[in-house]
Structure formats: structure tokens, C-alpha cells
Amino acid sequence: MIPITTRISSRIRRRGTLWAAAGVVTLGFLIALETAARHYNVPGPISTQVRELVVPPKSGALLYAGMALMMVVLTRRERFIALGTAIGIDVVFLLVRWAAGIKVTEGHPFGNGAWWVVLGFGVVALTRRTGAERVLLLKGVGLGLLLVAGRKAGDTWLHITSKAHPTVLDQYVATADHALGSPSWLAGRIVEATGVVGFNVLDFVYGQLAVAAVLVALYQLRGVAAERRFPRHHLVRTFLVIGLLGPGIYMIFPVVGPVYAYGTGNEHWDAISLWWSDPPRTEPWALANLWPEIPPPADGPQPMPFDGITPRNCMPSLHTAWAVAIFIHTRNGQRALRFAGTFWLIATLTATLGFGYHYGVDLVAGVVFTLTIEAALRALERGWDRSGTLLVAHGILVFAALLVSYRYLPVQMAGHPWVAGPLVILAMASVIYGYVRTVNRWDPKAAPAPRPEPQPEMV
């Protein structure tokens, strides 16, 4: 019989091999993306991260969020040291720039310190830690690095989609969207009616989605430092996989969104600039200035040429996908966290439609996309079985069927909305039902506490 210590050691080695393989695959993907970015003469994810060791980062909050994820593996004393060091380095950078007369015109004046601290702890893990402590710290550092790398890779993908696809398929999606009643046009008029207050609330929710995700992830990972191990499944994994696979769909199905294809495209530029740093578009690339007053015509869709700076990032809606992931991962939290997850999902769906960034059918595809990824990650962690395989296969088939229908059957969908609309919603509902039913079967149920036996009365 194999001793238990030998089995544990073998399991640790297998997990270490998986982590190493994942690191190699991620690095290879970033190198390939960097090469593609140089081909299109746009910033690559690796060069951008190296530059932000010195230059003002595009998002200082993102770098501090990455450091916060890394700190879940540290003790309380180490966290104070890490945070103090990051702030101190940022102060030094600010003083040096001030003394040199360098004005920060692009990016944020803070964040370099957090980036240096994350990399510094990586060096500490390799040189000063051994065994399980080294593995745990490297996992924490890798988590922070992956968050930043995922965001930078996403920005690069967006640039590449605008350069690689001179034409977009918005006319097809807008036509198919008639089956759902063109909800972006309705939501756009509702948001306009709410005035400044409604717009600012939705703008904040839409722009701070990554911050909300980090807060939920920190809640899920709050016990890592004490238990010296990560939970089996957490939000960061789902977020990263969504960000990795989603832009690949953009390359297959390029869509810019109703506010650009059927509007001026500059109404809500402050919110867009959180993801995109180029100046507003001034060339009249829109098919017509219809959004959100008049729904577009539902006949004769065809590919339409578009500019070279607007990202083709609509199909599927990744903001919807990430909001759904946040909603799922807050279900097992406290009441306040569950309420926040529900609010963030509803507000994000409203913003994506009301700001004209997405069509209704984008959101349906985003929901199916997320549930399929979440099911695959859960099945991978617990071990594949028949129920997990069927659920993932069903999600993939529904997602593919939706994309094919949007591309090749949009006129038929618009011509028979009372048939096509319910079928689209029913397809999404089938994935939701399958996910809830399967996951409830997977999750262990807490056994009810035994009832105390009645005591005999004393005479």
C-alpha cells in the first residue's frame, strides 16, 4: 500500500506541473499577442507592462488591485510592509517627476509602486522561500500578474480587432435584434429620461466592473493566508478565462455597437475612455443617426465598412459576461454581498443597453458564454463526469447556434419576432436551467443539525 505522504507528495508535484504548464501557455499567448500587436503597430501587453515600471500607468487602480490579490497570501505584517512600500515608491516617482518638470498628461500618477512590489515578492518567493511557502507565494504573485496581464491583453485585443476588420456585421445583429424588440433603443430612451443622475450611476457601475470583481475575489480569498491554500474555485479564474476567450470571438464576429453604427458615437465617451484611450471619432462612419430614437430597418443587412480605431467588442457582451460571473460568485456570500451582486448585474445590463454599447442579442450570447465557461471550470476542478460534459456541450451548441442565427437568419428572425424572440430566450433559459440544476447537484448540502432528544420530566 502506498504511504499517505507519498500520495500527498505526488499530488503536490502534479499540481506544480499543472501550474508550470499554465504559466508556459500564458507566456506563449502573451508573446504571440505581442508579436501580432507589433504587426499592426499597436501597443503589446508585454511591452506595456514593462514600460509601466517607470512611465505613468494607464490604470493605477488596476495595479493596486493586482497587488491586493497578491497580498491574500501574506501575513498581516507583510501586508502593511507591502502597502507602505508601494506608497513610498509612488511618492518617490511623483517627487522625481515633479523635480524633472515631467507632467503626467496620459495615464495615472500612481501605480508604479504596486507593480514594483508585486514583482519584488516574486523575487522573494524564488530566492527566500522554499517548499509549500514558495508555491503559495508564487501563486499569489501569479494571481496579481494574471489580473494585470489579462487587462493589458484585452486592451491589445481591442486594438487588433479595429485594425484587422475593416468591415463590421452590425446590420446583421441589429436586424436579428428586432426579434427581441430592439431593447437597446428602448433602454437608450429610458436612460435619457433619467437625466444626469441615472446616467452617472450607470456610468460608475459600468466603469468600475473590474473593481467590483476584485472586491468579490478578495472576499472569496480572505482565508488563504490562514489556511495556506487557495479555494478550489474562485472568481478570478472565471474572469481571466472570459477575458482570454471573448476577444477571440470578436475576431470571428466583429460588431461595434448601436451607438457607433447608428449614432454619433461620442455621447458617452467618458465611459468608453476607461477601456479606450484614443480620441473620439469624428468621421461619419455611422450608417445613419438613428440611435436611440428610431430602430434601424430590418431588411437587406450586409457588412459595412467602419473606422480603424473603434473596437469590434460587442459579440458577445463581455461586460454582461463578467457581471453574470460576479452574480454567480456572490450567491454563497453574505446578504449584503448577494444584494451587491444582484444590483451590479441589473445595473450593468441596463448600462450596456442604455448607453448603446450593445444589442440585446449580445447580452443573450454573453449569458450563455459565461455559464458555459463557469460550468467547464467547475467540472475541471471537481473532475469531469457525464453531467458536466453534457452541460458544457449544451452551452457550446447553444452559443454556436445563436451566432449562426444572428449571421445567417437575421431577416427571418426580424420577420417572425413572436417565434424567434421566444426561441432565443428559451435557448438561453435552457442553459441557465441546466447550469443551476447541475451545480446544485454538485455542491454538497449541509446536513441538518440533529434534534435534541426529549429529556424525561422530573417527578
Protein backbone atom coordinates (compact mmCIF):
# COMPACT_ATOMS: atom_id res chain seq x y z
CA MET A 1 0.00 0.00 0.00
CA ILE A 2 1.35 3.44 -0.96
CA PRO A 3 2.10 5.59 2.13
CA ILE A 4 -0.11 8.68 2.50
CA THR A 5 2.94 11.00 2.50
CA THR A 6 3.97 9.61 -0.88
CA ARG A 7 0.47 10.17 -2.29
CA ILE A 8 0.39 13.76 -1.00
CA SER A 9 3.85 14.45 -2.42
CA SER A 10 2.80 13.02 -5.78
CA ARG A 11 -0.34 15.18 -5.80
CA ILE A 12 1.70 18.31 -5.00
CA ARG A 13 4.10 17.52 -7.84
CA ARG A 14 1.20 17.03 -10.28
CA ARG A 15 -0.35 20.33 -9.25
CA GLY A 16 3.02 22.04 -9.57
CA THR A 17 3.37 20.62 -13.06
CA LEU A 18 -0.10 21.92 -13.99
CA TRP A 19 0.74 25.39 -12.67
CA ALA A 20 4.01 25.40 -14.60
CA ALA A 21 2.24 24.28 -17.78
CA ALA A 22 -0.39 27.00 -17.32
CA GLY A 23 2.39 29.56 -16.87
CA VAL A 24 4.14 28.45 -20.05
CA VAL A 25 0.87 28.56 -22.05
CA THR A 26 0.05 32.04 -20.70
CA LEU A 27 3.52 33.33 -21.51
CA GLY A 28 3.32 31.85 -25.01
CA PHE A 29 -0.06 33.50 -25.56
CA LEU A 30 1.28 36.90 -24.42
CA ILE A 31 4.31 36.56 -26.70
CA ALA A 32 2.07 35.68 -29.65
CA LEU A 33 -0.19 38.64 -28.87
CA GLU A 34 2.83 40.93 -28.56
CA THR A 35 4.02 39.77 -31.98
CA ALA A 36 0.59 40.37 -33.53
CA ALA A 37 0.42 43.81 -31.91
CA ARG A 38 3.76 44.80 -33.42
CA HIS A 39 2.49 43.65 -36.81
CA TYR A 40 -0.42 46.08 -36.53
CA ASN A 41 1.78 48.78 -34.94
CA VAL A 42 -0.21 48.89 -31.68
CA PRO A 43 1.00 48.53 -28.06
CA GLY A 44 1.51 44.92 -26.95
CA PRO A 45 0.74 43.52 -23.47
CA ILE A 46 4.35 42.69 -22.54
CA SER A 47 5.90 45.96 -23.68
CA THR A 48 3.11 47.91 -21.96
CA GLN A 49 3.72 46.16 -18.64
CA VAL A 50 7.48 46.69 -18.87
CA ARG A 51 7.02 50.41 -19.64
CA GLU A 52 4.72 50.86 -16.64
CA LEU A 53 7.60 50.06 -14.30
CA VAL A 54 8.70 53.64 -14.99
CA VAL A 55 6.12 55.60 -17.02
CA PRO A 56 2.73 56.62 -15.55
CA PRO A 57 0.48 53.57 -15.84
CA LYS A 58 -2.74 53.63 -17.82
CA SER A 59 -4.63 52.38 -14.75
CA GLY A 60 -3.02 52.76 -11.36
CA ALA A 61 -6.09 51.25 -9.69
CA LEU A 62 -5.59 48.07 -11.72
CA LEU A 63 -2.01 47.69 -10.50
CA TYR A 64 -3.07 48.20 -6.89
CA ALA A 65 -5.88 45.68 -7.43
CA GLY A 66 -3.29 43.18 -8.67
CA MET A 67 -1.20 43.84 -5.57
CA ALA A 68 -4.29 43.37 -3.37
CA LEU A 69 -4.88 39.93 -4.89
CA MET A 70 -1.24 39.03 -4.33
CA MET A 71 -1.49 40.10 -0.67
CA VAL A 72 -4.11 37.45 0.17
CA VAL A 73 -1.22 35.02 0.73
CA LEU A 74 0.69 37.40 3.05
CA THR A 75 0.52 37.79 6.80
CA ARG A 76 -0.90 40.98 8.29
CA ARG A 77 2.59 42.36 8.96
CA GLU A 78 3.73 41.58 5.41
CA ARG A 79 0.64 43.32 4.02
CA PHE A 80 1.46 46.53 5.89
CA ILE A 81 5.03 46.36 4.61
CA ALA A 82 3.89 45.75 1.02
CA LEU A 83 1.35 48.58 1.05
CA GLY A 84 3.76 51.01 2.70
CA THR A 85 6.49 50.13 0.21
CA ALA A 86 4.15 50.63 -2.76
CA ILE A 87 3.01 54.03 -1.50
CA GLY A 88 6.60 55.04 -0.74
CA ILE A 89 7.77 54.12 -4.24
CA ASP A 90 4.87 56.07 -5.77
CA VAL A 91 5.79 59.12 -3.68
CA VAL A 92 9.39 58.87 -4.91
CA PHE A 93 8.22 58.66 -8.54
CA LEU A 94 5.97 61.70 -8.01
CA LEU A 95 8.83 63.73 -6.49
CA VAL A 96 11.23 62.75 -9.26
CA ARG A 97 8.74 63.71 -11.96
CA TRP A 98 7.99 66.98 -10.19
CA ALA A 99 11.69 67.80 -9.85
CA ALA A 100 12.30 66.94 -13.50
CA GLY A 101 9.33 69.00 -14.63
CA ILE A 102 7.54 66.00 -16.14
CA LYS A 103 3.78 66.48 -16.33
CA VAL A 104 1.54 63.44 -16.34
CA THR A 105 -0.71 64.08 -19.34
CA GLU A 106 -1.62 60.43 -20.03
CA GLY A 107 -2.19 57.70 -17.51
CA HIS A 108 -2.25 57.90 -13.72
CA PRO A 109 0.38 59.45 -11.43
CA PHE A 110 0.32 56.40 -9.14
CA GLY A 111 0.55 52.64 -9.55
CA ASN A 112 4.26 52.09 -10.31
CA GLY A 113 4.90 51.25 -6.66
CA ALA A 114 2.29 48.47 -6.63
CA TRP A 115 3.79 46.98 -9.79
CA TRP A 116 7.30 47.00 -8.27
CA VAL A 117 6.01 45.35 -5.08
CA VAL A 118 4.29 42.51 -6.97
CA LEU A 119 7.44 41.77 -8.95
CA GLY A 120 9.54 42.12 -5.80
CA PHE A 121 7.57 39.45 -3.99
CA GLY A 122 8.08 37.20 -6.99
CA VAL A 123 11.83 37.57 -6.48
CA VAL A 124 11.39 36.93 -2.74
CA ALA A 125 9.46 33.73 -3.48
CA LEU A 126 12.24 32.41 -5.72
CA THR A 127 15.17 33.41 -3.52
CA ARG A 128 13.96 33.43 0.10
CA ARG A 129 11.13 30.89 0.32
CA THR A 130 11.13 27.11 -0.03
CA GLY A 131 8.65 24.27 -0.29
CA ALA A 132 4.96 24.95 0.19
CA GLU A 133 5.55 28.56 1.26
CA ARG A 134 7.32 29.29 -2.03
CA VAL A 135 4.50 27.68 -4.02
CA LEU A 136 1.84 29.65 -2.13
CA LEU A 137 3.61 32.99 -2.60
CA LEU A 138 4.24 32.27 -6.28
CA LYS A 139 0.52 31.54 -6.68
CA GLY A 140 -0.32 34.87 -5.09
CA VAL A 141 2.17 36.73 -7.30
CA GLY A 142 0.87 34.86 -10.34
CA LEU A 143 -2.68 35.88 -9.48
CA GLY A 144 -1.71 39.55 -9.40
CA LEU A 145 0.32 39.26 -12.59
CA LEU A 146 -2.51 37.47 -14.39
CA LEU A 147 -5.02 40.19 -13.48
CA VAL A 148 -2.78 42.90 -14.94
CA ALA A 149 -1.71 40.79 -17.92
CA GLY A 150 -5.32 39.89 -18.67
CA ARG A 151 -6.33 43.54 -18.77
CA LYS A 152 -3.36 44.50 -20.95
CA ALA A 153 -4.03 41.57 -23.27
CA GLY A 154 -7.66 42.66 -23.53
CA ASP A 155 -6.64 46.21 -24.47
CA THR A 156 -4.32 44.83 -27.14
CA TRP A 157 -7.07 42.58 -28.50
CA LEU A 158 -9.36 45.60 -28.82
CA HIS A 159 -6.75 47.50 -30.82
CA ILE A 160 -6.16 44.48 -33.07
CA THR A 161 -9.87 43.96 -33.77
CA SER A 162 -10.17 47.52 -35.05
CA LYS A 163 -7.16 47.09 -37.33
CA ALA A 164 -7.86 43.57 -38.57
CA HIS A 165 -11.54 44.03 -39.53
CA PRO A 166 -12.29 46.99 -41.83
CA THR A 167 -15.94 45.88 -42.03
CA VAL A 168 -18.41 45.07 -39.25
CA LEU A 169 -21.60 42.98 -39.01
CA ASP A 170 -23.79 45.45 -37.11
CA GLN A 171 -26.54 45.39 -39.70
CA TYR A 172 -26.99 41.64 -39.19
CA VAL A 173 -27.09 41.93 -35.40
CA ALA A 174 -29.39 44.95 -35.42
CA THR A 175 -31.78 43.10 -37.73
CA ALA A 176 -31.75 39.98 -35.53
CA ASP A 177 -32.31 42.24 -32.52
CA HIS A 178 -35.79 43.06 -33.85
CA ALA A 179 -36.79 39.61 -32.60
CA LEU A 180 -36.26 40.94 -29.04
CA GLY A 181 -37.89 44.31 -29.75
CA SER A 182 -34.63 46.26 -30.27
CA PRO A 183 -34.09 46.69 -26.48
CA SER A 184 -31.08 48.98 -26.85
CA TRP A 185 -33.27 51.64 -28.45
CA LEU A 186 -35.84 51.38 -25.66
CA ALA A 187 -33.20 51.37 -22.89
CA GLY A 188 -31.42 54.33 -24.50
CA ARG A 189 -34.57 56.45 -24.31
CA ILE A 190 -35.15 55.38 -20.70
CA VAL A 191 -31.60 56.35 -19.68
CA GLU A 192 -32.01 59.71 -21.41
CA ALA A 193 -35.22 60.26 -19.45
CA THR A 194 -33.47 59.61 -16.10
CA GLY A 195 -31.19 62.58 -16.72
CA VAL A 196 -27.79 63.21 -15.16
CA VAL A 197 -28.39 61.15 -12.01
CA GLY A 198 -29.32 57.94 -13.81
CA PHE A 199 -26.52 58.35 -16.31
CA ASN A 200 -23.85 58.94 -13.65
CA VAL A 201 -24.93 55.94 -11.56
CA LEU A 202 -24.88 53.61 -14.56
CA ASP A 203 -21.63 55.15 -15.80
CA PHE A 204 -19.98 54.42 -12.43
CA VAL A 205 -21.22 50.82 -12.37
CA TYR A 206 -20.17 50.21 -15.96
CA GLY A 207 -16.70 51.68 -15.49
CA GLN A 208 -15.93 50.07 -12.12
CA LEU A 209 -16.79 46.49 -13.01
CA ALA A 210 -13.19 45.35 -12.51
CA VAL A 211 -13.10 46.93 -9.04
CA ALA A 212 -16.29 45.10 -8.08
CA ALA A 213 -14.77 41.84 -9.29
CA VAL A 214 -11.63 42.38 -7.21
CA LEU A 215 -13.71 43.08 -4.09
CA VAL A 216 -15.67 39.86 -4.57
CA ALA A 217 -12.45 37.94 -5.23
CA LEU A 218 -10.88 39.34 -2.05
CA TYR A 219 -13.91 38.16 -0.12
CA GLN A 220 -13.59 34.67 -1.59
CA LEU A 221 -9.82 34.57 -0.92
CA ARG A 222 -9.94 36.09 2.57
CA GLY A 223 -8.94 32.83 4.26
CA VAL A 224 -5.93 31.98 2.08
CA ALA A 225 -3.33 33.45 4.44
CA ALA A 226 -4.67 31.47 7.42
CA GLU A 227 -5.38 28.19 5.62
CA ARG A 228 -2.24 28.44 3.42
CA ARG A 229 -4.13 27.27 0.37
CA PHE A 230 -6.47 28.70 -2.28
CA PRO A 231 -10.14 27.68 -2.58
CA ARG A 232 -10.92 25.12 -5.26
CA HIS A 233 -12.72 27.64 -7.47
CA HIS A 234 -12.93 31.44 -7.34
CA LEU A 235 -13.99 34.43 -9.42
CA VAL A 236 -10.54 35.39 -10.73
CA ARG A 237 -10.27 32.17 -12.74
CA THR A 238 -13.60 32.77 -14.46
CA PHE A 239 -12.77 36.43 -15.13
CA LEU A 240 -9.45 35.58 -16.75
CA VAL A 241 -10.87 32.82 -18.97
CA ILE A 242 -13.69 35.12 -20.12
CA GLY A 243 -11.14 37.80 -20.98
CA LEU A 244 -8.96 35.27 -22.78
CA LEU A 245 -11.63 33.64 -24.95
CA GLY A 246 -14.04 36.53 -25.51
CA PRO A 247 -11.83 38.69 -27.76
CA GLY A 248 -11.25 35.65 -29.95
CA ILE A 249 -14.99 35.70 -30.72
CA TYR A 250 -14.64 39.39 -31.60
CA MET A 251 -12.26 38.37 -34.37
CA ILE A 252 -14.91 35.98 -35.76
CA PHE A 253 -17.94 38.25 -35.31
CA PRO A 254 -16.85 41.95 -35.43
CA VAL A 255 -19.54 44.33 -34.17
CA VAL A 256 -19.11 47.92 -32.87
CA GLY A 257 -22.49 48.55 -31.24
CA PRO A 258 -25.57 50.70 -31.93
CA VAL A 259 -24.17 53.98 -30.56
CA TYR A 260 -21.42 53.80 -33.20
CA ALA A 261 -23.13 52.04 -36.12
CA TYR A 262 -26.38 54.01 -35.78
CA GLY A 263 -25.35 57.12 -33.80
CA THR A 264 -22.64 59.75 -33.45
CA GLY A 265 -20.58 57.51 -31.15
CA ASN A 266 -19.45 60.37 -28.89
CA GLU A 267 -22.37 60.75 -26.46
CA HIS A 268 -20.83 58.66 -23.70
CA TRP A 269 -17.13 58.98 -24.46
CA ASP A 270 -16.07 59.39 -20.81
CA ALA A 271 -17.28 55.87 -20.01
CA ILE A 272 -15.70 54.39 -23.15
CA SER A 273 -12.36 56.04 -22.39
CA LEU A 274 -11.97 53.75 -19.39
CA TRP A 275 -11.33 50.99 -21.92
CA TRP A 276 -10.09 53.01 -24.87
CA SER A 277 -7.62 55.88 -24.88
CA ASP A 278 -7.86 57.19 -28.45
CA PRO A 279 -9.67 60.50 -29.15
CA PRO A 280 -13.37 60.48 -30.09
CA ARG A 281 -14.28 59.53 -33.61
CA THR A 282 -15.09 62.46 -35.89
CA GLU A 283 -15.55 60.76 -39.26
CA PRO A 284 -19.17 59.96 -40.28
CA TRP A 285 -18.85 56.18 -40.31
CA ALA A 286 -22.34 55.51 -38.88
CA LEU A 287 -24.88 54.07 -41.29
CA ALA A 288 -27.40 56.66 -40.09
CA ASN A 289 -28.01 58.75 -36.97
CA LEU A 290 -30.89 56.65 -35.61
CA TRP A 291 -29.98 55.62 -32.06
CA PRO A 292 -31.91 55.75 -29.76
CA GLU A 293 -34.91 57.39 -31.42
CA ILE A 294 -35.62 55.18 -34.46
CA PRO A 295 -34.92 51.42 -34.69
CA PRO A 296 -32.97 50.51 -37.85
CA PRO A 297 -34.60 48.85 -40.85
CA ALA A 298 -34.93 45.06 -40.78
CA ASP A 299 -34.16 44.18 -44.39
CA GLY A 300 -31.11 43.66 -46.56
CA PRO A 301 -28.29 43.52 -43.96
CA GLN A 302 -24.75 43.46 -45.29
CA PRO A 303 -21.20 44.01 -43.98
CA MET A 304 -20.49 47.71 -43.59
CA PRO A 305 -17.09 49.46 -43.61
CA PHE A 306 -16.02 51.15 -40.39
CA ASP A 307 -13.14 53.16 -38.97
CA GLY A 308 -9.82 51.77 -37.77
CA ILE A 309 -9.98 52.84 -34.11
CA THR A 310 -13.34 51.69 -32.72
CA PRO A 311 -13.02 48.22 -31.13
CA ARG A 312 -15.21 45.44 -32.50
CA ASN A 313 -16.08 44.29 -29.00
CA CYS A 314 -19.81 43.60 -28.90
CA MET A 315 -20.40 39.92 -29.66
CA PRO A 316 -20.65 38.56 -27.05
CA SER A 317 -21.07 41.28 -24.42
CA LEU A 318 -18.16 40.67 -22.04
CA HIS A 319 -19.45 43.29 -19.61
CA THR A 320 -22.56 41.13 -19.34
CA ALA A 321 -20.41 38.01 -19.05
CA TRP A 322 -18.33 39.46 -16.21
CA ALA A 323 -21.40 40.83 -14.41
CA VAL A 324 -23.03 37.40 -14.59
CA ALA A 325 -19.84 35.85 -13.18
CA ILE A 326 -19.91 38.33 -10.28
CA PHE A 327 -23.57 37.49 -9.67
CA ILE A 328 -22.84 33.76 -9.60
CA HIS A 329 -19.91 34.07 -7.22
CA THR A 330 -21.82 36.24 -4.75
CA ARG A 331 -24.62 33.71 -4.27
CA ASN A 332 -22.80 31.96 -1.43
CA GLY A 333 -21.81 35.18 0.33
CA GLN A 334 -23.50 37.24 2.99
CA ARG A 335 -26.77 39.05 2.32
CA ALA A 336 -25.09 42.39 1.58
CA LEU A 337 -22.76 40.72 -0.93
CA ARG A 338 -25.64 38.91 -2.63
CA PHE A 339 -27.55 42.19 -2.88
CA ALA A 340 -24.50 43.95 -4.34
CA GLY A 341 -24.02 41.19 -6.92
CA THR A 342 -27.65 41.42 -7.99
CA PHE A 343 -27.52 45.22 -8.21
CA TRP A 344 -24.31 45.14 -10.23
CA LEU A 345 -25.78 42.67 -12.70
CA ILE A 346 -29.00 44.66 -13.24
CA ALA A 347 -27.18 47.99 -13.49
CA THR A 348 -24.59 46.58 -15.90
CA LEU A 349 -27.26 45.12 -18.19
CA THR A 350 -29.08 48.46 -18.14
CA ALA A 351 -25.90 50.40 -18.90
CA THR A 352 -24.76 48.18 -21.75
CA LEU A 353 -28.11 48.64 -23.46
CA GLY A 354 -28.91 52.19 -22.34
CA PHE A 355 -25.55 53.61 -23.41
CA GLY A 356 -25.86 51.93 -26.79
CA TYR A 357 -22.74 49.81 -26.38
CA HIS A 358 -24.54 46.52 -27.10
CA TYR A 359 -27.57 45.00 -28.78
CA GLY A 360 -29.98 42.77 -26.87
CA VAL A 361 -28.79 39.63 -28.63
CA ASP A 362 -25.23 40.44 -27.46
CA LEU A 363 -26.39 40.14 -23.87
CA VAL A 364 -28.08 36.78 -24.51
CA ALA A 365 -24.85 35.45 -26.03
CA GLY A 366 -22.87 36.85 -23.08
CA VAL A 367 -25.00 34.98 -20.54
CA VAL A 368 -24.64 31.66 -22.39
CA PHE A 369 -20.90 32.31 -22.83
CA THR A 370 -20.32 32.84 -19.10
CA LEU A 371 -22.37 29.91 -17.87
CA THR A 372 -20.57 27.58 -20.27
CA ILE A 373 -17.15 28.76 -19.08
CA GLU A 374 -18.17 28.60 -15.42
CA ALA A 375 -19.51 25.06 -15.89
CA ALA A 376 -16.30 23.97 -17.62
CA LEU A 377 -14.10 25.39 -14.85
CA ARG A 378 -16.18 23.75 -12.13
CA ALA A 379 -16.16 20.43 -13.97
CA LEU A 380 -12.40 20.67 -14.48
CA GLU A 381 -11.85 21.28 -10.78
CA ARG A 382 -14.11 18.52 -9.46
CA GLY A 383 -13.38 16.02 -12.24
CA TRP A 384 -15.27 15.58 -15.48
CA ASP A 385 -18.37 13.40 -15.39
CA ARG A 386 -21.37 12.87 -17.64
CA SER A 387 -23.40 15.77 -16.23
CA GLY A 388 -20.53 18.25 -16.59
CA THR A 389 -19.72 17.14 -20.12
CA LEU A 390 -23.36 17.37 -21.23
CA LEU A 391 -23.77 20.82 -19.66
CA VAL A 392 -20.67 22.26 -21.34
CA ALA A 393 -21.55 20.65 -24.68
CA HIS A 394 -25.07 22.05 -24.47
CA GLY A 395 -23.72 25.55 -23.74
CA ILE A 396 -21.30 25.39 -26.67
CA LEU A 397 -24.03 24.24 -29.06
CA VAL A 398 -26.45 26.95 -27.95
CA PHE A 399 -23.78 29.65 -28.22
CA ALA A 400 -22.79 28.48 -31.71
CA ALA A 401 -26.46 28.29 -32.78
CA LEU A 402 -27.04 31.86 -31.60
CA LEU A 403 -24.08 33.22 -33.57
CA VAL A 404 -25.09 31.31 -36.71
CA SER A 405 -28.67 32.57 -36.41
CA TYR A 406 -27.56 36.18 -35.94
CA ARG A 407 -25.35 35.96 -39.03
CA TYR A 408 -27.40 33.90 -41.47
CA LEU A 409 -31.04 34.19 -40.31
CA PRO A 410 -31.46 37.80 -39.14
CA VAL A 411 -34.14 38.71 -41.70
CA GLN A 412 -36.19 35.63 -40.81
CA MET A 413 -35.79 36.44 -37.10
CA ALA A 414 -36.96 40.01 -37.63
CA GLY A 415 -39.85 38.86 -39.82
CA HIS A 416 -41.17 36.42 -37.21
CA PRO A 417 -40.37 38.08 -33.86
CA TRP A 418 -43.06 36.22 -31.91
CA VAL A 419 -41.37 32.95 -32.86
CA ALA A 420 -37.69 33.90 -32.99
CA GLY A 421 -37.69 36.05 -29.84
CA PRO A 422 -39.10 33.38 -27.50
CA LEU A 423 -36.80 30.78 -29.09
CA VAL A 424 -33.73 32.94 -28.34
CA ILE A 425 -34.84 33.47 -24.74
CA LEU A 426 -35.75 29.78 -24.39
CA ALA A 427 -32.29 28.75 -25.62
CA MET A 428 -30.67 30.99 -23.00
CA ALA A 429 -33.07 29.75 -20.32
CA SER A 430 -32.21 26.13 -21.12
CA VAL A 431 -28.53 26.83 -20.37
CA ILE A 432 -29.43 28.69 -17.16
CA TYR A 433 -31.68 25.84 -16.02
CA GLY A 434 -29.09 23.21 -16.89
CA TYR A 435 -26.38 25.10 -15.03
CA VAL A 436 -28.44 25.65 -11.86
CA ARG A 437 -29.67 22.05 -11.81
CA THR A 438 -26.23 20.54 -12.38
CA VAL A 439 -24.34 22.80 -9.97
CA ASN A 440 -26.91 22.24 -7.22
CA ARG A 441 -26.28 18.52 -7.64
CA TRP A 442 -22.51 19.07 -7.43
CA ASP A 443 -22.48 21.34 -4.39
CA PRO A 444 -22.53 19.48 -1.07
CA LYS A 445 -25.59 20.13 1.04
CA ALA A 446 -25.13 20.96 4.67
CA ALA A 447 -26.57 18.22 6.87
CA PRO A 448 -29.31 19.45 9.23
CA ALA A 449 -28.36 19.61 12.88
CA PRO A 450 -29.68 16.65 14.87
CA ARG A 451 -32.64 17.39 17.08
CA PRO A 452 -32.00 17.01 20.77
CA GLU A 453 -33.75 14.06 22.30
CA PRO A 454 -36.52 14.97 24.78
CA GLN A 455 -35.47 14.61 28.36
CA PRO A 456 -37.80 12.77 30.78
CA GLU A 457 -39.62 15.07 33.15
CA MET A 458 -38.53 15.00 36.75
CA VAL A 459 -41.24 13.84 39.11
